[in-house]
Amino acid sequence: MMDWTDRHCRVLHRLLSRQARLYTEMLTSGAVIHGNRDRLLGFDPREHPVALQLGGSDPEALARAASIGRSAGYDEINLNCGCPSDRVQSGCFGAALMADPALVARAVAAMQAEIDVPVTVKCRIGIDDQDHEADFRRFIDTVAAAGCRTFIVHARKAWLSGLSPKENREIPPLDYERVYRLKAERPDLTVVINGGITDLDEAVEHLARVDGVMLGRAAYRRPAMIGDVDRRLFGEPAAELNRVDIVARYNDYAATRLDAGDRLPALVKPLMGLFHGEPGGRLFRRVLSEESAKRGAGIEVIDQALETITQAARRHAPEWAA
């Protein structure tokens, strides 16, 4: 989720769920090694458990980046072998790596040799013409033999030529059954399913067949669903805070980050979908978007947007306050 699941987004999601595992946006090994580590790798302690997702194809560089990530405090290092972005393909990593299972295996082994937390892999069910079940299983078995025990599988193939990244999320058909078969045939592996999952009802259905569910854009666009994850998926009591309380907590965090030099538009961005579909939700988003862009705007913009929701609640008494 490049440019989406930044540190601000992850703090909001952690406020909504105590148990869900959070993932960073994909960072290249080169950026981690040579870039501004405080900016790229910094995160709030409340985010744990949180995984760093890396992109790259050089085992030595990936091992070094994994070590840096572990030193920064991440609980898992995830190697992305599923992103079909043009930027990723040009560097011969992301989904393009599925064409070379042996290289991925060497990268996983090199990373594991450097760190004491799990190295996991996110992949597709196939790429281009290498999309037969035998190709998929060859990739999984080769990488698993190098020590990877957890695979997060986007249940679509990726066309690395001819489709845009957006089209690669929509046009290749979903094949959840292939992921289910992987789990049935390799019960020793932890298999997490991803792709096209829009709500927790679907997540519960998948969990009857696999070990975990990864939510991507649905959770970003409608983060309120995360507020029920602990109860529905982990059997724990739901969070006592409603969404108004969540915004108040997030506001405290945002004020601290604003003082640290972060930009207000980036801080309000994760909040945009919090009241999706609720009375006042559209005005809430508009206030955040328009007011945060104004010169001199401060953290009061969040309070201003929240007031629109409070007023709507008085008029409509929606369920979200329960």
C-alpha atoms as a PDB file:
ATOM      1  CA  MET A   1       0.000   0.000   0.000  1.00  0.00           C
ATOM      2  CA  MET A   2       2.563   2.527  -1.169  1.00  0.00           C
ATOM      3  CA  ASP A   3       1.693   6.101  -0.120  1.00  0.00           C
ATOM      4  CA  TRP A   4      -1.198   4.836   2.002  1.00  0.00           C
ATOM      5  CA  THR A   5      -0.224   2.978   5.186  1.00  0.00           C
ATOM      6  CA  ASP A   6       2.155   5.564   6.590  1.00  0.00           C
ATOM      7  CA  ARG A   7       2.823   6.000  10.294  1.00  0.00           C
ATOM      8  CA  HIS A   8      -0.205   8.269  10.772  1.00  0.00           C
ATOM      9  CA  CYS A   9      -2.554   5.751   9.190  1.00  0.00           C
ATOM     10  CA  ARG A  10      -1.136   2.986  11.355  1.00  0.00           C
ATOM     11  CA  VAL A  11      -1.646   4.936  14.581  1.00  0.00           C
ATOM     12  CA  LEU A  12      -5.299   5.478  13.702  1.00  0.00           C
ATOM     13  CA  HIS A  13      -5.729   1.789  12.906  1.00  0.00           C
ATOM     14  CA  ARG A  14      -4.084   0.794  16.181  1.00  0.00           C
ATOM     15  CA  LEU A  15      -6.496   3.029  18.073  1.00  0.00           C
ATOM     16  CA  LEU A  16      -9.283   1.041  16.429  1.00  0.00           C
ATOM     17  CA  SER A  17      -7.835  -2.429  17.117  1.00  0.00           C
ATOM     18  CA  ARG A  18      -5.498  -3.739  19.789  1.00  0.00           C
ATOM     19  CA  GLN A  19      -4.843  -7.043  18.008  1.00  0.00           C
ATOM     20  CA  ALA A  20      -4.576  -6.483  14.244  1.00  0.00           C
ATOM     21  CA  ARG A  21      -1.052  -6.684  12.853  1.00  0.00           C
ATOM     22  CA  LEU A  22      -0.098  -3.524  10.982  1.00  0.00           C
ATOM     23  CA  TYR A  23       2.115  -3.300   7.891  1.00  0.00           C
ATOM     24  CA  THR A  24       4.106  -0.384   6.553  1.00  0.00           C
ATOM     25  CA  GLU A  25       3.930   0.752   2.976  1.00  0.00           C
ATOM     26  CA  MET A  26       6.572  -0.962   0.866  1.00  0.00           C
ATOM     27  CA  LEU A  27      10.050   0.566   1.152  1.00  0.00           C
ATOM     28  CA  THR A  28      12.883  -0.393  -1.149  1.00  0.00           C
ATOM     29  CA  SER A  29      16.008  -1.857   0.383  1.00  0.00           C
ATOM     30  CA  GLY A  30      18.017   0.983  -1.147  1.00  0.00           C
ATOM     31  CA  ALA A  31      15.830   3.634   0.466  1.00  0.00           C
ATOM     32  CA  VAL A  32      16.181   1.975   3.856  1.00  0.00           C
ATOM     33  CA  ILE A  33      19.966   1.689   3.531  1.00  0.00           C
ATOM     34  CA  HIS A  34      20.700   5.107   2.064  1.00  0.00           C
ATOM     35  CA  GLY A  35      17.666   7.258   2.892  1.00  0.00           C
ATOM     36  CA  ASN A  36      16.498   9.253   5.894  1.00  0.00           C
ATOM     37  CA  ARG A  37      15.837   6.445   8.352  1.00  0.00           C
ATOM     38  CA  ASP A  38      14.001   8.568  10.898  1.00  0.00           C
ATOM     39  CA  ARG A  39      11.546   9.684   8.227  1.00  0.00           C
ATOM     40  CA  LEU A  40      11.191   6.323   6.514  1.00  0.00           C
ATOM     41  CA  LEU A  41      11.286   3.935   9.467  1.00  0.00           C
ATOM     42  CA  GLY A  42      10.076   6.013  12.397  1.00  0.00           C
ATOM     43  CA  PHE A  43       6.917   4.788  14.074  1.00  0.00           C
ATOM     44  CA  ASP A  44       4.961   5.289  17.267  1.00  0.00           C
ATOM     45  CA  PRO A  45       5.518   2.626  19.973  1.00  0.00           C
ATOM     46  CA  ARG A  46       1.768   2.058  20.219  1.00  0.00           C
ATOM     47  CA  GLU A  47       1.821   0.541  16.706  1.00  0.00           C
ATOM     48  CA  HIS A  48       3.170  -2.841  17.871  1.00  0.00           C
ATOM     49  CA  PRO A  49       2.837  -5.437  16.494  1.00  0.00           C
ATOM     50  CA  VAL A  50       3.986  -3.804  13.254  1.00  0.00           C
ATOM     51  CA  ALA A  51       5.757  -5.263  10.220  1.00  0.00           C
ATOM     52  CA  LEU A  52       8.148  -3.552   7.815  1.00  0.00           C
ATOM     53  CA  GLN A  53       7.494  -4.406   4.180  1.00  0.00           C
ATOM     54  CA  LEU A  54      10.550  -4.340   1.934  1.00  0.00           C
ATOM     55  CA  GLY A  55      10.979  -4.355  -1.817  1.00  0.00           C
ATOM     56  CA  GLY A  56      14.162  -5.412  -3.555  1.00  0.00           C
ATOM     57  CA  SER A  57      15.932  -8.209  -5.403  1.00  0.00           C
ATOM     58  CA  ASP A  58      19.494  -8.182  -4.057  1.00  0.00           C
ATOM     59  CA  PRO A  59      19.738 -10.669  -1.170  1.00  0.00           C
ATOM     60  CA  GLU A  60      22.672  -8.844   0.410  1.00  0.00           C
ATOM     61  CA  ALA A  61      20.918  -5.473   0.294  1.00  0.00           C
ATOM     62  CA  LEU A  62      17.675  -6.972   1.586  1.00  0.00           C
ATOM     63  CA  ALA A  63      19.534  -8.594   4.467  1.00  0.00           C
ATOM     64  CA  ARG A  64      21.100  -5.269   5.387  1.00  0.00           C
ATOM     65  CA  ALA A  65      17.760  -3.458   5.143  1.00  0.00           C
ATOM     66  CA  ALA A  66      16.103  -6.160   7.256  1.00  0.00           C
ATOM     67  CA  SER A  67      18.764  -5.711   9.925  1.00  0.00           C
ATOM     68  CA  ILE A  68      18.191  -1.959   9.921  1.00  0.00           C
ATOM     69  CA  GLY A  69      14.451  -2.526  10.203  1.00  0.00           C
ATOM     70  CA  ARG A  70      14.855  -4.894  13.101  1.00  0.00           C
ATOM     71  CA  SER A  71      17.154  -2.423  14.858  1.00  0.00           C
ATOM     72  CA  ALA A  72      14.409   0.178  14.419  1.00  0.00           C
ATOM     73  CA  GLY A  73      12.070  -2.118  16.369  1.00  0.00           C
ATOM     74  CA  TYR A  74       9.888  -3.822  13.770  1.00  0.00           C
ATOM     75  CA  ASP A  75       8.299  -7.134  14.781  1.00  0.00           C
ATOM     76  CA  GLU A  76       8.359  -8.744  11.318  1.00  0.00           C
ATOM     77  CA  ILE A  77      10.075  -8.130   8.007  1.00  0.00           C
ATOM     78  CA  ASN A  78       7.912  -8.817   4.948  1.00  0.00           C
ATOM     79  CA  LEU A  79       9.318  -9.218   1.448  1.00  0.00           C
ATOM     80  CA  ASN A  80       6.932  -7.936  -1.226  1.00  0.00           C
ATOM     81  CA  CYS A  81       6.692 -10.288  -4.208  1.00  0.00           C
ATOM     82  CA  GLY A  82       3.262  -9.133  -5.267  1.00  0.00           C
ATOM     83  CA  CYS A  83       3.273  -5.464  -6.226  1.00  0.00           C
ATOM     84  CA  PRO A  84       2.759  -4.981 -10.005  1.00  0.00           C
ATOM     85  CA  SER A  85       3.676  -1.265 -10.090  1.00  0.00           C
ATOM     86  CA  ASP A  86       5.734  -0.078 -13.080  1.00  0.00           C
ATOM     87  CA  ARG A  87       8.263   1.380 -10.643  1.00  0.00           C
ATOM     88  CA  VAL A  88       8.657  -2.038  -9.063  1.00  0.00           C
ATOM     89  CA  GLN A  89       8.964  -3.923 -12.343  1.00  0.00           C
ATOM     90  CA  SER A  90      11.711  -1.632 -13.607  1.00  0.00           C
ATOM     91  CA  GLY A  91      13.761  -2.609 -10.576  1.00  0.00           C
ATOM     92  CA  CYS A  92      13.018  -6.320 -11.099  1.00  0.00           C
ATOM     93  CA  PHE A  93      11.303  -6.784  -7.766  1.00  0.00           C
ATOM     94  CA  GLY A  94       7.754  -6.920  -6.441  1.00  0.00           C
ATOM     95  CA  ALA A  95       5.616  -9.369  -8.448  1.00  0.00           C
ATOM     96  CA  ALA A  96       8.426  -9.782 -10.979  1.00  0.00           C
ATOM     97  CA  LEU A  97      10.291 -11.812  -8.348  1.00  0.00           C
ATOM     98  CA  MET A  98       7.795 -14.649  -8.704  1.00  0.00           C
ATOM     99  CA  ALA A  99       9.552 -15.563 -11.957  1.00  0.00           C
ATOM    100  CA  ASP A 100      12.677 -16.438  -9.943  1.00  0.00           C
ATOM    101  CA  PRO A 101      11.756 -18.483  -6.845  1.00  0.00           C
ATOM    102  CA  ALA A 102      15.407 -19.395  -6.223  1.00  0.00           C
ATOM    103  CA  LEU A 103      16.356 -15.731  -5.945  1.00  0.00           C
ATOM    104  CA  VAL A 104      13.532 -15.122  -3.465  1.00  0.00           C
ATOM    105  CA  ALA A 105      14.690 -18.125  -1.466  1.00  0.00           C
ATOM    106  CA  ARG A 106      18.237 -16.739  -1.309  1.00  0.00           C
ATOM    107  CA  ALA A 107      16.887 -13.366  -0.203  1.00  0.00           C
ATOM    108  CA  VAL A 108      14.755 -14.932   2.539  1.00  0.00           C
ATOM    109  CA  ALA A 109      17.683 -16.999   3.794  1.00  0.00           C
ATOM    110  CA  ALA A 110      19.976 -13.965   3.831  1.00  0.00           C
ATOM    111  CA  MET A 111      17.428 -11.889   5.730  1.00  0.00           C
ATOM    112  CA  GLN A 112      16.754 -14.600   8.277  1.00  0.00           C
ATOM    113  CA  ALA A 113      20.463 -14.940   8.936  1.00  0.00           C
ATOM    114  CA  GLU A 114      20.574 -11.312  10.071  1.00  0.00           C
ATOM    115  CA  ILE A 115      17.472 -10.915  12.247  1.00  0.00           C
ATOM    116  CA  ASP A 116      15.638 -12.634  15.084  1.00  0.00           C
ATOM    117  CA  VAL A 117      12.059 -11.903  13.974  1.00  0.00           C
ATOM    118  CA  PRO A 118      10.025 -13.651  11.248  1.00  0.00           C
ATOM    119  CA  VAL A 119      10.712 -13.025   7.574  1.00  0.00           C
ATOM    120  CA  THR A 120       7.443 -13.371   5.653  1.00  0.00           C
ATOM    121  CA  VAL A 121       6.558 -13.132   1.963  1.00  0.00           C
ATOM    122  CA  LYS A 122       3.643 -11.449   0.223  1.00  0.00           C
ATOM    123  CA  CYS A 123       2.952 -12.752  -3.270  1.00  0.00           C
ATOM    124  CA  ARG A 124       0.353 -13.337  -5.989  1.00  0.00           C
ATOM    125  CA  ILE A 125      -0.976 -16.685  -7.211  1.00  0.00           C
ATOM    126  CA  GLY A 126       0.970 -16.206 -10.436  1.00  0.00           C
ATOM    127  CA  ILE A 127       2.283 -13.754 -13.018  1.00  0.00           C
ATOM    128  CA  ASP A 128       1.837 -13.454 -16.778  1.00  0.00           C
ATOM    129  CA  ASP A 129       1.875 -16.934 -18.319  1.00  0.00           C
ATOM    130  CA  GLN A 130       3.404 -18.461 -15.186  1.00  0.00           C
ATOM    131  CA  ASP A 131       0.015 -18.748 -13.560  1.00  0.00           C
ATOM    132  CA  HIS A 132      -0.602 -22.492 -13.383  1.00  0.00           C
ATOM    133  CA  GLU A 133      -1.042 -24.043  -9.988  1.00  0.00           C
ATOM    134  CA  ALA A 134       2.239 -25.915 -10.447  1.00  0.00           C
ATOM    135  CA  ASP A 135       4.055 -22.583 -10.934  1.00  0.00           C
ATOM    136  CA  PHE A 136       2.494 -21.191  -7.765  1.00  0.00           C
ATOM    137  CA  ARG A 137       3.340 -24.270  -5.728  1.00  0.00           C
ATOM    138  CA  ARG A 138       6.896 -24.308  -7.066  1.00  0.00           C
ATOM    139  CA  PHE A 139       7.334 -20.736  -5.837  1.00  0.00           C
ATOM    140  CA  ILE A 140       5.864 -21.497  -2.406  1.00  0.00           C
ATOM    141  CA  ASP A 141       7.769 -24.737  -1.908  1.00  0.00           C
ATOM    142  CA  THR A 142      11.098 -23.223  -2.991  1.00  0.00           C
ATOM    143  CA  VAL A 143      10.770 -20.222  -0.684  1.00  0.00           C
ATOM    144  CA  ALA A 144       9.423 -22.319   2.186  1.00  0.00           C
ATOM    145  CA  ALA A 145      12.454 -24.595   1.889  1.00  0.00           C
ATOM    146  CA  ALA A 146      14.602 -21.524   2.620  1.00  0.00           C
ATOM    147  CA  GLY A 147      12.793 -21.077   5.935  1.00  0.00           C
ATOM    148  CA  CYS A 148       9.818 -18.823   5.212  1.00  0.00           C
ATOM    149  CA  ARG A 149       6.833 -20.055   7.248  1.00  0.00           C
ATOM    150  CA  THR A 150       4.252 -17.346   6.471  1.00  0.00           C
ATOM    151  CA  PHE A 151       2.876 -16.394   3.062  1.00  0.00           C
ATOM    152  CA  ILE A 152       0.401 -13.587   2.462  1.00  0.00           C
ATOM    153  CA  VAL A 153      -1.242 -14.397  -0.851  1.00  0.00           C
ATOM    154  CA  HIS A 154      -3.138 -11.937  -3.013  1.00  0.00           C
ATOM    155  CA  ALA A 155      -5.520 -14.354  -4.716  1.00  0.00           C
ATOM    156  CA  ARG A 156      -5.078 -12.886  -8.208  1.00  0.00           C
ATOM    157  CA  LYS A 157      -2.372 -13.311 -10.803  1.00  0.00           C
ATOM    158  CA  ALA A 158      -0.577 -10.186 -11.990  1.00  0.00           C
ATOM    159  CA  TRP A 159      -0.039  -9.190 -15.587  1.00  0.00           C
ATOM    160  CA  LEU A 160       3.299  -7.400 -15.615  1.00  0.00           C
ATOM    161  CA  SER A 161       2.703  -6.056 -19.107  1.00  0.00           C
ATOM    162  CA  GLY A 162      -0.558  -4.747 -20.470  1.00  0.00           C
ATOM    163  CA  LEU A 163      -2.336  -3.873 -17.218  1.00  0.00           C
ATOM    164  CA  SER A 164      -1.924  -0.906 -14.901  1.00  0.00           C
ATOM    165  CA  PRO A 165      -1.518  -1.462 -11.148  1.00  0.00           C
ATOM    166  CA  LYS A 166      -5.177  -0.483 -10.671  1.00  0.00           C
ATOM    167  CA  GLU A 167      -6.281  -2.915 -13.372  1.00  0.00           C
ATOM    168  CA  ASN A 168      -4.162  -5.616 -11.741  1.00  0.00           C
ATOM    169  CA  ARG A 169      -6.272  -5.174  -8.613  1.00  0.00           C
ATOM    170  CA  GLU A 170      -9.520  -5.620 -10.519  1.00  0.00           C
ATOM    171  CA  ILE A 171      -9.250  -7.440 -13.859  1.00  0.00           C
ATOM    172  CA  PRO A 172      -7.471 -10.750 -13.146  1.00  0.00           C
ATOM    173  CA  PRO A 173     -10.118 -12.960 -11.516  1.00  0.00           C
ATOM    174  CA  LEU A 174      -9.881 -13.865  -7.869  1.00  0.00           C
ATOM    175  CA  ASP A 175      -9.113 -17.507  -7.140  1.00  0.00           C
ATOM    176  CA  TYR A 176      -9.553 -18.003  -3.422  1.00  0.00           C
ATOM    177  CA  GLU A 177      -9.766 -21.762  -3.892  1.00  0.00           C
ATOM    178  CA  ARG A 178      -6.128 -21.905  -4.964  1.00  0.00           C
ATOM    179  CA  VAL A 179      -5.122 -20.268  -1.681  1.00  0.00           C
ATOM    180  CA  TYR A 180      -7.359 -22.647   0.253  1.00  0.00           C
ATOM    181  CA  ARG A 181      -5.722 -25.612  -1.468  1.00  0.00           C
ATOM    182  CA  LEU A 182      -2.294 -24.301  -0.546  1.00  0.00           C
ATOM    183  CA  LYS A 183      -3.260 -24.289   3.125  1.00  0.00           C
ATOM    184  CA  ALA A 184      -4.828 -27.737   2.896  1.00  0.00           C
ATOM    185  CA  GLU A 185      -1.732 -29.201   1.206  1.00  0.00           C
ATOM    186  CA  ARG A 186       0.804 -27.310   3.337  1.00  0.00           C
ATOM    187  CA  PRO A 187      -0.730 -27.212   6.835  1.00  0.00           C
ATOM    188  CA  ASP A 188       2.754 -26.529   8.215  1.00  0.00           C
ATOM    189  CA  LEU A 189       2.686 -23.046   6.680  1.00  0.00           C
ATOM    190  CA  THR A 190       0.820 -19.993   7.905  1.00  0.00           C
ATOM    191  CA  VAL A 191      -1.306 -18.832   4.979  1.00  0.00           C
ATOM    192  CA  VAL A 192      -2.907 -15.391   4.981  1.00  0.00           C
ATOM    193  CA  ILE A 193      -5.362 -14.495   2.232  1.00  0.00           C
ATOM    194  CA  ASN A 194      -5.632 -11.076   0.573  1.00  0.00           C
ATOM    195  CA  GLY A 195      -7.461  -9.497  -2.345  1.00  0.00           C
ATOM    196  CA  GLY A 196     -11.007  -8.257  -2.875  1.00  0.00           C
ATOM    197  CA  ILE A 197     -12.066  -8.660   0.762  1.00  0.00           C
ATOM    198  CA  THR A 198     -14.408  -5.818   1.616  1.00  0.00           C
ATOM    199  CA  ASP A 199     -15.828  -6.527   5.072  1.00  0.00           C
ATOM    200  CA  LEU A 200     -15.461  -8.618   8.215  1.00  0.00           C
ATOM    201  CA  ASP A 201     -18.219 -11.038   7.221  1.00  0.00           C
ATOM    202  CA  GLU A 202     -16.045 -12.120   4.293  1.00  0.00           C
ATOM    203  CA  ALA A 203     -13.001 -12.250   6.567  1.00  0.00           C
ATOM    204  CA  VAL A 204     -14.773 -14.638   8.949  1.00  0.00           C
ATOM    205  CA  GLU A 205     -15.669 -16.933   6.037  1.00  0.00           C
ATOM    206  CA  HIS A 206     -12.059 -17.036   4.846  1.00  0.00           C
ATOM    207  CA  LEU A 207     -10.777 -17.824   8.322  1.00  0.00           C
ATOM    208  CA  ALA A 208     -12.569 -21.153   8.171  1.00  0.00           C
ATOM    209  CA  ARG A 209     -10.074 -22.163   5.478  1.00  0.00           C
ATOM    210  CA  VAL A 210      -6.868 -20.177   6.115  1.00  0.00           C
ATOM    211  CA  ASP A 211      -4.913 -18.772   9.034  1.00  0.00           C
ATOM    212  CA  GLY A 212      -5.329 -15.047   8.491  1.00  0.00           C
ATOM    213  CA  VAL A 213      -6.846 -12.296   6.404  1.00  0.00           C
ATOM    214  CA  MET A 214      -5.118  -9.147   5.186  1.00  0.00           C
ATOM    215  CA  LEU A 215      -7.316  -6.121   4.565  1.00  0.00           C
ATOM    216  CA  GLY A 216      -5.916  -3.405   2.323  1.00  0.00           C
ATOM    217  CA  ARG A 217      -7.823  -0.620   0.618  1.00  0.00           C
ATOM    218  CA  ALA A 218     -11.136  -1.547   2.228  1.00  0.00           C
ATOM    219  CA  ALA A 219      -9.656  -0.927   5.670  1.00  0.00           C
ATOM    220  CA  TYR A 220      -8.117   2.353   4.534  1.00  0.00           C
ATOM    221  CA  ARG A 221     -11.263   3.661   2.869  1.00  0.00           C
ATOM    222  CA  ARG A 222     -13.586   2.497   5.660  1.00  0.00           C
ATOM    223  CA  PRO A 223     -11.404   2.266   8.749  1.00  0.00           C
ATOM    224  CA  ALA A 224     -14.383   2.047  11.102  1.00  0.00           C
ATOM    225  CA  MET A 225     -14.618  -1.668  10.269  1.00  0.00           C
ATOM    226  CA  ILE A 226     -11.316  -2.182  12.077  1.00  0.00           C
ATOM    227  CA  GLY A 227     -13.076  -1.163  15.291  1.00  0.00           C
ATOM    228  CA  ASP A 228     -14.868  -4.522  15.291  1.00  0.00           C
ATOM    229  CA  VAL A 229     -11.845  -6.683  14.455  1.00  0.00           C
ATOM    230  CA  ASP A 230     -10.959  -7.540  18.056  1.00  0.00           C
ATOM    231  CA  ARG A 231     -14.473  -8.808  18.790  1.00  0.00           C
ATOM    232  CA  ARG A 232     -15.214 -10.547  15.472  1.00  0.00           C
ATOM    233  CA  LEU A 233     -11.831 -12.067  14.674  1.00  0.00           C
ATOM    234  CA  PHE A 234     -10.020 -12.372  18.010  1.00  0.00           C
ATOM    235  CA  GLY A 235     -12.916 -13.059  20.378  1.00  0.00           C
ATOM    236  CA  GLU A 236     -12.023 -10.134  22.601  1.00  0.00           C
ATOM    237  CA  PRO A 237     -14.263  -7.369  23.921  1.00  0.00           C
ATOM    238  CA  ALA A 238     -14.828  -4.564  21.448  1.00  0.00           C
ATOM    239  CA  ALA A 239     -13.012  -1.310  22.087  1.00  0.00           C
ATOM    240  CA  GLU A 240     -14.864   0.883  24.544  1.00  0.00           C
ATOM    241  CA  LEU A 241     -14.164   4.009  22.512  1.00  0.00           C
ATOM    242  CA  ASN A 242     -16.578   5.184  19.835  1.00  0.00           C
ATOM    243  CA  ARG A 243     -15.359   7.026  16.758  1.00  0.00           C
ATOM    244  CA  VAL A 244     -15.645  10.457  18.339  1.00  0.00           C
ATOM    245  CA  ASP A 245     -13.365   9.255  21.151  1.00  0.00           C
ATOM    246  CA  ILE A 246     -10.988   7.764  18.576  1.00  0.00           C
ATOM    247  CA  VAL A 247     -10.701  11.109  16.788  1.00  0.00           C
ATOM    248  CA  ALA A 248      -9.995  12.843  20.114  1.00  0.00           C
ATOM    249  CA  ARG A 249      -7.185  10.350  20.834  1.00  0.00           C
ATOM    250  CA  TYR A 250      -5.826  10.732  17.325  1.00  0.00           C
ATOM    251  CA  ASN A 251      -5.984  14.511  17.675  1.00  0.00           C
ATOM    252  CA  ASP A 252      -3.571  14.319  20.601  1.00  0.00           C
ATOM    253  CA  TYR A 253      -1.171  12.262  18.471  1.00  0.00           C
ATOM    254  CA  ALA A 254      -1.550  14.615  15.492  1.00  0.00           C
ATOM    255  CA  ALA A 255      -0.774  17.650  17.645  1.00  0.00           C
ATOM    256  CA  THR A 256       2.483  16.035  18.726  1.00  0.00           C
ATOM    257  CA  ARG A 257       3.443  15.159  15.165  1.00  0.00           C
ATOM    258  CA  LEU A 258       2.530  18.639  13.927  1.00  0.00           C
ATOM    259  CA  ASP A 259       4.909  20.075  16.513  1.00  0.00           C
ATOM    260  CA  ALA A 260       7.548  17.635  15.204  1.00  0.00           C
ATOM    261  CA  GLY A 261       7.221  19.139  11.731  1.00  0.00           C
ATOM    262  CA  ASP A 262       4.805  16.802   9.945  1.00  0.00           C
ATOM    263  CA  ARG A 263       2.382  18.394   7.479  1.00  0.00           C
ATOM    264  CA  LEU A 264      -1.252  18.805   8.466  1.00  0.00           C
ATOM    265  CA  PRO A 265      -2.725  17.386   5.213  1.00  0.00           C
ATOM    266  CA  ALA A 266      -0.770  14.162   5.760  1.00  0.00           C
ATOM    267  CA  LEU A 267      -2.011  13.967   9.341  1.00  0.00           C
ATOM    268  CA  VAL A 268      -5.689  14.353   8.467  1.00  0.00           C
ATOM    269  CA  LYS A 269      -5.567  12.040   5.430  1.00  0.00           C
ATOM    270  CA  PRO A 270      -6.142   8.780   7.394  1.00  0.00           C
ATOM    271  CA  LEU A 271      -9.266  10.235   8.990  1.00  0.00           C
ATOM    272  CA  MET A 272     -11.051  10.859   5.696  1.00  0.00           C
ATOM    273  CA  GLY A 273     -13.029   7.622   5.608  1.00  0.00           C
ATOM    274  CA  LEU A 274     -13.711   7.234   9.318  1.00  0.00           C
ATOM    275  CA  PHE A 275     -17.357   8.316   9.033  1.00  0.00           C
ATOM    276  CA  HIS A 276     -17.938   6.828   5.584  1.00  0.00           C
ATOM    277  CA  GLY A 277     -21.653   6.429   4.903  1.00  0.00           C
ATOM    278  CA  GLU A 278     -22.721   8.218   8.081  1.00  0.00           C
ATOM    279  CA  PRO A 279     -24.722  11.459   8.332  1.00  0.00           C
ATOM    280  CA  GLY A 280     -22.219  14.284   8.178  1.00  0.00           C
ATOM    281  CA  GLY A 281     -19.464  12.037   6.813  1.00  0.00           C
ATOM    282  CA  ARG A 282     -19.159  13.824   3.477  1.00  0.00           C
ATOM    283  CA  LEU A 283     -18.953  17.244   5.138  1.00  0.00           C
ATOM    284  CA  PHE A 284     -16.424  15.828   7.618  1.00  0.00           C
ATOM    285  CA  ARG A 285     -14.154  14.848   4.720  1.00  0.00           C
ATOM    286  CA  ARG A 286     -14.620  18.168   2.958  1.00  0.00           C
ATOM    287  CA  VAL A 287     -13.719  20.186   6.048  1.00  0.00           C
ATOM    288  CA  LEU A 288     -10.591  18.112   6.602  1.00  0.00           C
ATOM    289  CA  SER A 289      -9.519  18.366   2.965  1.00  0.00           C
ATOM    290  CA  GLU A 290     -10.212  22.037   2.367  1.00  0.00           C
ATOM    291  CA  GLU A 291      -9.308  23.522   5.742  1.00  0.00           C
ATOM    292  CA  SER A 292      -6.075  21.561   6.237  1.00  0.00           C
ATOM    293  CA  ALA A 293      -4.732  22.952   2.947  1.00  0.00           C
ATOM    294  CA  LYS A 294      -5.118  26.573   4.026  1.00  0.00           C
ATOM    295  CA  ARG A 295      -2.075  28.570   5.031  1.00  0.00           C
ATOM    296  CA  GLY A 296      -1.668  28.697   8.781  1.00  0.00           C
ATOM    297  CA  ALA A 297      -4.159  25.890   9.467  1.00  0.00           C
ATOM    298  CA  GLY A 298      -3.579  23.993  12.688  1.00  0.00           C
ATOM    299  CA  ILE A 299      -4.845  21.046  14.637  1.00  0.00           C
ATOM    300  CA  GLU A 300      -8.149  22.809  15.255  1.00  0.00           C
ATOM    301  CA  VAL A 301      -9.169  21.664  11.783  1.00  0.00           C
ATOM    302  CA  ILE A 302      -9.794  18.176  13.172  1.00  0.00           C
ATOM    303  CA  ASP A 303     -12.009  19.601  15.925  1.00  0.00           C
ATOM    304  CA  GLN A 304     -13.837  21.660  13.333  1.00  0.00           C
ATOM    305  CA  ALA A 305     -14.502  18.597  11.188  1.00  0.00           C
ATOM    306  CA  LEU A 306     -15.577  16.577  14.210  1.00  0.00           C
ATOM    307  CA  GLU A 307     -18.138  19.226  15.092  1.00  0.00           C
ATOM    308  CA  THR A 308     -19.907  18.507  11.809  1.00  0.00           C
ATOM    309  CA  ILE A 309     -20.328  14.895  12.918  1.00  0.00           C
ATOM    310  CA  THR A 310     -21.555  15.900  16.365  1.00  0.00           C
ATOM    311  CA  GLN A 311     -24.164  18.156  14.803  1.00  0.00           C
ATOM    312  CA  ALA A 312     -25.262  15.397  12.454  1.00  0.00           C
ATOM    313  CA  ALA A 313     -25.604  13.025  15.408  1.00  0.00           C
ATOM    314  CA  ARG A 314     -27.943  15.433  17.139  1.00  0.00           C
ATOM    315  CA  ARG A 315     -30.111  15.556  14.020  1.00  0.00           C
ATOM    316  CA  HIS A 316     -30.026  11.894  13.014  1.00  0.00           C
ATOM    317  CA  ALA A 317     -28.903   9.901  16.115  1.00  0.00           C
ATOM    318  CA  PRO A 318     -26.976   7.381  13.972  1.00  0.00           C
ATOM    319  CA  GLU A 319     -25.683   4.040  15.139  1.00  0.00           C
ATOM    320  CA  TRP A 320     -22.033   5.075  15.043  1.00  0.00           C
ATOM    321  CA  ALA A 321     -22.240   6.654  18.508  1.00  0.00           C
ATOM    322  CA  ALA A 322     -23.147   3.316  20.086  1.00  0.00           C
END
